[in-house]
């Protein structure tokens, strides 16, 4: 799983980048074989006016094809990322479950239709 962090109006130090990468790897760790690329976009929504509003958008590219996009907002960059990381974990799990159910009918349905 490749990880890219892009920031607009938000200063990130190397230590913060490492923490963010670790947070995303923990959130998507069980899906590491199914996720090809994860892009994190961090943005200060208030810009030069200041104020505590940050947005984090996460785009996960699933293999072989699919894309899951979530976003989160918070009073700090870490709060915005934490919310978005939780949402991406749930959204990727949901998408992979849908894919699995489409590919293979459950045994319960097969038995019910045969009877």
N, C-alpha and C. Protein backbone atom coordinates (compact mmCIF):
# COMPACT_ATOMS: atom_id res chain seq x y z
N UNK A 1 0.85 -1.17 0.00
CA UNK A 1 0.00 0.00 0.00
C UNK A 1 0.90 1.24 0.00
N UNK A 2 0.73 2.05 -1.02
CA UNK A 2 1.47 3.31 -1.09
C UNK A 2 0.65 4.40 -0.42
N UNK A 3 1.35 5.37 0.13
CA UNK A 3 0.68 6.44 0.86
C UNK A 3 1.27 7.77 0.44
N UNK A 4 0.40 8.72 0.08
CA UNK A 4 0.81 10.06 -0.29
C UNK A 4 0.05 11.06 0.58
N UNK A 5 0.76 12.07 1.07
CA UNK A 5 0.13 13.12 1.86
C UNK A 5 0.35 14.44 1.13
N UNK A 6 -0.76 15.13 0.87
CA UNK A 6 -0.67 16.44 0.21
C UNK A 6 -1.36 17.46 1.11
N UNK A 7 -0.70 18.56 1.33
CA UNK A 7 -1.26 19.56 2.23
C UNK A 7 -1.34 20.91 1.53
N UNK A 8 -2.41 21.63 1.84
CA UNK A 8 -2.63 22.95 1.28
C UNK A 8 -2.94 23.90 2.43
N UNK A 9 -1.99 24.75 2.75
CA UNK A 9 -2.17 25.70 3.82
C UNK A 9 -1.94 25.11 5.21
N UNK A 10 -1.41 23.91 5.26
CA UNK A 10 -1.15 23.23 6.54
C UNK A 10 0.31 22.85 6.57
N UNK A 11 1.00 23.24 7.63
CA UNK A 11 2.41 22.87 7.77
C UNK A 11 2.51 21.55 8.50
N UNK A 12 3.27 20.63 7.91
CA UNK A 12 3.48 19.32 8.52
C UNK A 12 4.97 19.08 8.70
N UNK A 13 5.32 18.65 9.88
CA UNK A 13 6.70 18.27 10.15
C UNK A 13 6.84 16.78 9.88
N UNK A 14 8.07 16.32 9.78
CA UNK A 14 8.31 14.90 9.51
C UNK A 14 7.69 14.01 10.58
N UNK A 15 7.74 14.46 11.81
CA UNK A 15 7.17 13.67 12.90
C UNK A 15 5.66 13.53 12.74
N UNK A 16 4.99 14.61 12.34
CA UNK A 16 3.54 14.56 12.13
C UNK A 16 3.20 13.66 10.95
N UNK A 17 4.00 13.73 9.90
CA UNK A 17 3.78 12.85 8.75
C UNK A 17 3.86 11.38 9.16
N UNK A 18 4.86 11.06 9.97
CA UNK A 18 5.01 9.68 10.42
C UNK A 18 3.82 9.23 11.26
N UNK A 19 3.32 10.12 12.11
CA UNK A 19 2.15 9.79 12.94
C UNK A 19 0.94 9.56 12.05
N UNK A 20 0.74 10.40 11.04
CA UNK A 20 -0.39 10.25 10.14
C UNK A 20 -0.30 8.96 9.34
N UNK A 21 0.90 8.66 8.85
CA UNK A 21 1.08 7.41 8.11
C UNK A 21 0.76 6.21 8.99
N UNK A 22 1.21 6.24 10.22
CA UNK A 22 0.94 5.14 11.14
C UNK A 22 -0.55 5.01 11.42
N UNK A 23 -1.23 6.12 11.56
CA UNK A 23 -2.66 6.11 11.83
C UNK A 23 -3.44 5.48 10.66
N UNK A 24 -3.05 5.81 9.45
CA UNK A 24 -3.71 5.25 8.27
C UNK A 24 -3.37 3.77 8.13
N UNK A 25 -2.13 3.41 8.39
CA UNK A 25 -1.75 2.00 8.31
C UNK A 25 -2.50 1.16 9.35
N UNK A 26 -2.73 1.73 10.52
CA UNK A 26 -3.52 1.01 11.53
C UNK A 26 -4.98 0.88 11.09
N UNK A 27 -5.53 1.93 10.50
CA UNK A 27 -6.93 1.90 10.08
C UNK A 27 -7.15 0.92 8.93
N UNK A 28 -6.20 0.86 7.99
CA UNK A 28 -6.38 0.03 6.80
C UNK A 28 -5.49 -1.21 6.81
N UNK A 29 -4.89 -1.52 7.93
CA UNK A 29 -3.95 -2.64 8.00
C UNK A 29 -4.50 -3.97 7.54
N UNK A 30 -5.73 -4.27 7.89
CA UNK A 30 -6.27 -5.57 7.51
C UNK A 30 -6.63 -5.64 6.02
N UNK A 31 -6.65 -4.49 5.34
CA UNK A 31 -6.96 -4.45 3.91
C UNK A 31 -5.73 -4.17 3.06
N UNK A 32 -4.55 -4.34 3.61
CA UNK A 32 -3.32 -3.91 2.95
C UNK A 32 -3.14 -4.59 1.58
N UNK A 33 -3.61 -5.80 1.41
CA UNK A 33 -3.46 -6.49 0.13
C UNK A 33 -4.47 -6.02 -0.90
N UNK A 34 -5.52 -5.36 -0.46
CA UNK A 34 -6.58 -4.92 -1.38
C UNK A 34 -6.52 -3.44 -1.70
N UNK A 35 -5.67 -2.68 -1.01
CA UNK A 35 -5.57 -1.24 -1.23
C UNK A 35 -4.23 -0.95 -1.90
N UNK A 36 -4.30 -0.31 -3.07
CA UNK A 36 -3.07 -0.01 -3.79
C UNK A 36 -2.44 1.31 -3.40
N UNK A 37 -3.25 2.35 -3.36
CA UNK A 37 -2.75 3.70 -3.09
C UNK A 37 -3.72 4.44 -2.20
N UNK A 38 -3.19 5.16 -1.23
CA UNK A 38 -4.00 6.01 -0.36
C UNK A 38 -3.44 7.42 -0.44
N UNK A 39 -4.31 8.37 -0.79
CA UNK A 39 -3.90 9.77 -0.83
C UNK A 39 -4.64 10.52 0.26
N UNK A 40 -3.89 11.32 1.02
CA UNK A 40 -4.46 12.13 2.08
C UNK A 40 -4.29 13.59 1.69
N UNK A 41 -5.40 14.31 1.65
CA UNK A 41 -5.38 15.73 1.34
C UNK A 41 -5.75 16.50 2.60
N UNK A 42 -4.85 17.35 3.07
CA UNK A 42 -5.09 18.17 4.25
C UNK A 42 -5.23 19.62 3.80
N UNK A 43 -6.24 20.30 4.37
CA UNK A 43 -6.49 21.67 3.94
C UNK A 43 -6.98 22.49 5.13
N UNK A 44 -6.49 23.70 5.20
CA UNK A 44 -6.96 24.67 6.19
C UNK A 44 -8.14 25.39 5.55
N UNK A 45 -9.34 25.13 6.03
CA UNK A 45 -10.52 25.69 5.38
C UNK A 45 -10.70 27.18 5.66
N UNK A 46 -10.13 27.69 6.74
CA UNK A 46 -10.24 29.12 7.03
C UNK A 46 -9.16 29.93 6.35
N UNK A 47 -8.11 29.27 5.89
CA UNK A 47 -7.05 29.98 5.18
C UNK A 47 -6.34 31.01 6.03
N UNK A 48 -6.03 32.18 5.46
CA UNK A 48 -5.27 33.18 6.20
C UNK A 48 -6.06 33.88 7.31
N UNK A 49 -7.38 33.69 7.35
CA UNK A 49 -8.16 34.31 8.41
C UNK A 49 -7.88 33.69 9.77
N UNK A 50 -7.37 32.47 9.74
CA UNK A 50 -7.10 31.77 10.99
C UNK A 50 -8.34 31.06 11.48
N UNK A 51 -8.24 30.54 12.67
CA UNK A 51 -9.39 29.82 13.21
C UNK A 51 -9.18 28.32 13.12
N UNK A 52 -9.88 27.60 13.95
CA UNK A 52 -9.66 26.16 14.04
C UNK A 52 -10.55 25.34 13.12
N UNK A 53 -10.27 25.31 11.86
CA UNK A 53 -11.05 24.49 10.94
C UNK A 53 -10.14 23.85 9.91
N UNK A 54 -10.06 22.53 9.96
CA UNK A 54 -9.22 21.78 9.03
C UNK A 54 -10.05 20.69 8.40
N UNK A 55 -9.73 20.40 7.16
CA UNK A 55 -10.43 19.34 6.43
C UNK A 55 -9.42 18.29 6.00
N UNK A 56 -9.79 17.04 6.12
CA UNK A 56 -8.96 15.93 5.67
C UNK A 56 -9.80 15.07 4.74
N UNK A 57 -9.32 14.88 3.52
CA UNK A 57 -9.99 14.01 2.56
C UNK A 57 -9.05 12.85 2.27
N UNK A 58 -9.58 11.63 2.32
CA UNK A 58 -8.78 10.44 2.06
C UNK A 58 -9.38 9.72 0.87
N UNK A 59 -8.51 9.41 -0.10
CA UNK A 59 -8.92 8.66 -1.29
C UNK A 59 -8.14 7.35 -1.28
N UNK A 60 -8.87 6.24 -1.26
CA UNK A 60 -8.25 4.92 -1.27
C UNK A 60 -8.57 4.24 -2.59
N UNK A 61 -7.53 3.84 -3.31
CA UNK A 61 -7.68 3.13 -4.57
C UNK A 61 -7.64 1.63 -4.27
N UNK A 62 -8.77 0.96 -4.50
CA UNK A 62 -8.85 -0.47 -4.23
C UNK A 62 -8.44 -1.26 -5.47
N UNK A 63 -7.84 -2.40 -5.24
CA UNK A 63 -7.42 -3.27 -6.33
C UNK A 63 -8.51 -4.27 -6.64
N UNK A 64 -8.78 -4.64 -7.84
CA UNK A 64 -8.18 -4.20 -9.09
C UNK A 64 -8.73 -2.86 -9.56
N UNK A 65 -9.96 -2.51 -9.15
CA UNK A 65 -10.48 -1.19 -9.54
C UNK A 65 -11.59 -0.81 -8.57
N UNK A 66 -11.60 0.33 -8.14
CA UNK A 66 -12.59 0.98 -7.28
C UNK A 66 -11.90 2.11 -6.55
N UNK A 67 -12.68 3.03 -6.11
CA UNK A 67 -12.14 4.16 -5.37
C UNK A 67 -13.11 4.50 -4.25
N UNK A 68 -12.57 4.70 -3.07
CA UNK A 68 -13.38 5.09 -1.92
C UNK A 68 -12.87 6.44 -1.44
N UNK A 69 -13.80 7.39 -1.27
CA UNK A 69 -13.43 8.75 -0.87
C UNK A 69 -14.24 9.12 0.37
N UNK A 70 -13.54 9.59 1.39
CA UNK A 70 -14.20 10.08 2.60
C UNK A 70 -13.55 11.39 3.01
N UNK A 71 -14.24 12.14 3.86
CA UNK A 71 -13.64 13.36 4.39
C UNK A 71 -14.04 13.55 5.84
N UNK A 72 -13.25 14.35 6.52
CA UNK A 72 -13.53 14.65 7.92
C UNK A 72 -13.05 16.05 8.22
N UNK A 73 -13.70 16.66 9.19
CA UNK A 73 -13.31 18.00 9.61
C UNK A 73 -13.04 17.99 11.10
N UNK A 74 -12.22 18.93 11.53
CA UNK A 74 -11.90 19.01 12.94
C UNK A 74 -11.26 20.33 13.30
N UNK A 75 -11.12 20.55 14.59
CA UNK A 75 -10.50 21.78 15.07
C UNK A 75 -8.99 21.73 14.96
N UNK A 76 -8.45 20.53 14.77
CA UNK A 76 -7.01 20.38 14.54
C UNK A 76 -6.81 19.40 13.39
N UNK A 77 -5.61 19.39 12.86
CA UNK A 77 -5.31 18.48 11.75
C UNK A 77 -5.43 17.04 12.21
N UNK A 78 -4.96 16.75 13.41
CA UNK A 78 -5.02 15.37 13.91
C UNK A 78 -6.45 14.93 14.14
N UNK A 79 -7.31 15.82 14.62
CA UNK A 79 -8.72 15.46 14.82
C UNK A 79 -9.41 15.20 13.48
N UNK A 80 -9.12 16.01 12.48
CA UNK A 80 -9.70 15.81 11.16
C UNK A 80 -9.24 14.48 10.57
N UNK A 81 -7.95 14.18 10.72
CA UNK A 81 -7.42 12.93 10.18
C UNK A 81 -7.98 11.73 10.94
N UNK A 82 -8.13 11.83 12.24
CA UNK A 82 -8.66 10.71 13.03
C UNK A 82 -10.08 10.37 12.59
N UNK A 83 -10.90 11.39 12.40
CA UNK A 83 -12.26 11.14 11.94
C UNK A 83 -12.31 10.53 10.55
N UNK A 84 -11.48 11.05 9.65
CA UNK A 84 -11.45 10.53 8.29
C UNK A 84 -10.86 9.11 8.25
N UNK A 85 -9.89 8.82 9.10
CA UNK A 85 -9.30 7.48 9.14
C UNK A 85 -10.34 6.45 9.59
N UNK A 86 -11.14 6.81 10.56
CA UNK A 86 -12.20 5.91 11.00
C UNK A 86 -13.22 5.68 9.89
N UNK A 87 -13.58 6.75 9.19
CA UNK A 87 -14.55 6.62 8.09
C UNK A 87 -13.99 5.80 6.94
N UNK A 88 -12.70 5.96 6.62
CA UNK A 88 -12.14 5.20 5.50
C UNK A 88 -12.09 3.72 5.84
N UNK A 89 -11.80 3.40 7.09
CA UNK A 89 -11.79 1.99 7.51
C UNK A 89 -13.17 1.37 7.29
N UNK A 90 -14.21 2.07 7.72
CA UNK A 90 -15.57 1.55 7.57
C UNK A 90 -15.99 1.49 6.10
N UNK A 91 -15.65 2.51 5.34
CA UNK A 91 -16.05 2.56 3.94
C UNK A 91 -15.36 1.49 3.11
N UNK A 92 -14.08 1.26 3.35
CA UNK A 92 -13.36 0.21 2.61
C UNK A 92 -13.93 -1.17 2.98
N UNK A 93 -14.20 -1.39 4.25
CA UNK A 93 -14.79 -2.68 4.67
C UNK A 93 -16.15 -2.88 4.00
N UNK A 94 -16.95 -1.84 3.95
CA UNK A 94 -18.27 -1.93 3.31
C UNK A 94 -18.14 -2.22 1.82
N UNK A 95 -17.23 -1.53 1.15
CA UNK A 95 -17.05 -1.73 -0.29
C UNK A 95 -16.56 -3.13 -0.60
N UNK A 96 -15.62 -3.64 0.17
CA UNK A 96 -15.11 -4.98 -0.07
C UNK A 96 -16.16 -6.04 0.24
N UNK A 97 -17.00 -5.79 1.23
CA UNK A 97 -18.08 -6.72 1.55
C UNK A 97 -19.08 -6.77 0.39
N UNK A 98 -19.42 -5.60 -0.16
CA UNK A 98 -20.32 -5.57 -1.32
C UNK A 98 -19.74 -6.33 -2.49
N UNK A 99 -18.46 -6.11 -2.73
CA UNK A 99 -17.80 -6.79 -3.84
C UNK A 99 -17.83 -8.30 -3.64
N UNK A 100 -17.59 -8.74 -2.43
CA UNK A 100 -17.59 -10.17 -2.13
C UNK A 100 -18.99 -10.76 -2.29
N UNK A 101 -20.01 -10.05 -1.83
CA UNK A 101 -21.37 -10.56 -1.94
C UNK A 101 -21.85 -10.62 -3.38
N UNK A 102 -21.44 -9.69 -4.22
CA UNK A 102 -21.80 -9.73 -5.63
C UNK A 102 -21.15 -10.89 -6.34
N UNK A 103 -19.95 -11.20 -5.93
CA UNK A 103 -19.18 -12.23 -6.62
C UNK A 103 -19.67 -13.63 -6.27
N UNK A 104 -20.13 -13.82 -5.07
CA UNK A 104 -20.43 -15.16 -4.62
C UNK A 104 -21.72 -15.16 -3.81
N UNK A 105 -22.76 -15.86 -4.31
CA UNK A 105 -23.99 -15.93 -3.53
C UNK A 105 -23.79 -16.76 -2.26
N UNK A 106 -24.52 -16.40 -1.23
CA UNK A 106 -24.35 -17.13 0.03
C UNK A 106 -24.98 -18.52 -0.08
N UNK A 107 -24.48 -19.43 0.73
CA UNK A 107 -25.01 -20.80 0.73
C UNK A 107 -26.46 -20.82 1.18
N UNK A 108 -26.80 -19.93 2.07
CA UNK A 108 -28.17 -19.87 2.59
C UNK A 108 -29.15 -19.57 1.46
N UNK A 109 -28.79 -18.66 0.57
CA UNK A 109 -29.66 -18.35 -0.57
C UNK A 109 -29.76 -19.53 -1.52
N UNK A 110 -28.65 -20.22 -1.75
CA UNK A 110 -28.67 -21.36 -2.65
C UNK A 110 -29.55 -22.49 -2.11
N UNK A 111 -29.47 -22.73 -0.82
CA UNK A 111 -30.26 -23.79 -0.21
C UNK A 111 -31.73 -23.41 -0.20
N UNK A 112 -32.04 -22.15 0.07
CA UNK A 112 -33.43 -21.70 0.11
C UNK A 112 -34.09 -21.77 -1.25
N UNK A 113 -33.37 -21.46 -2.32
CA UNK A 113 -33.95 -21.50 -3.66
C UNK A 113 -34.08 -22.93 -4.17
N UNK A 114 -33.23 -23.83 -3.69
CA UNK A 114 -33.29 -25.22 -4.14
C UNK A 114 -34.44 -25.97 -3.49
N UNK A 115 -34.88 -25.56 -2.32
CA UNK A 115 -35.95 -26.28 -1.59
C UNK A 115 -37.31 -25.93 -2.05
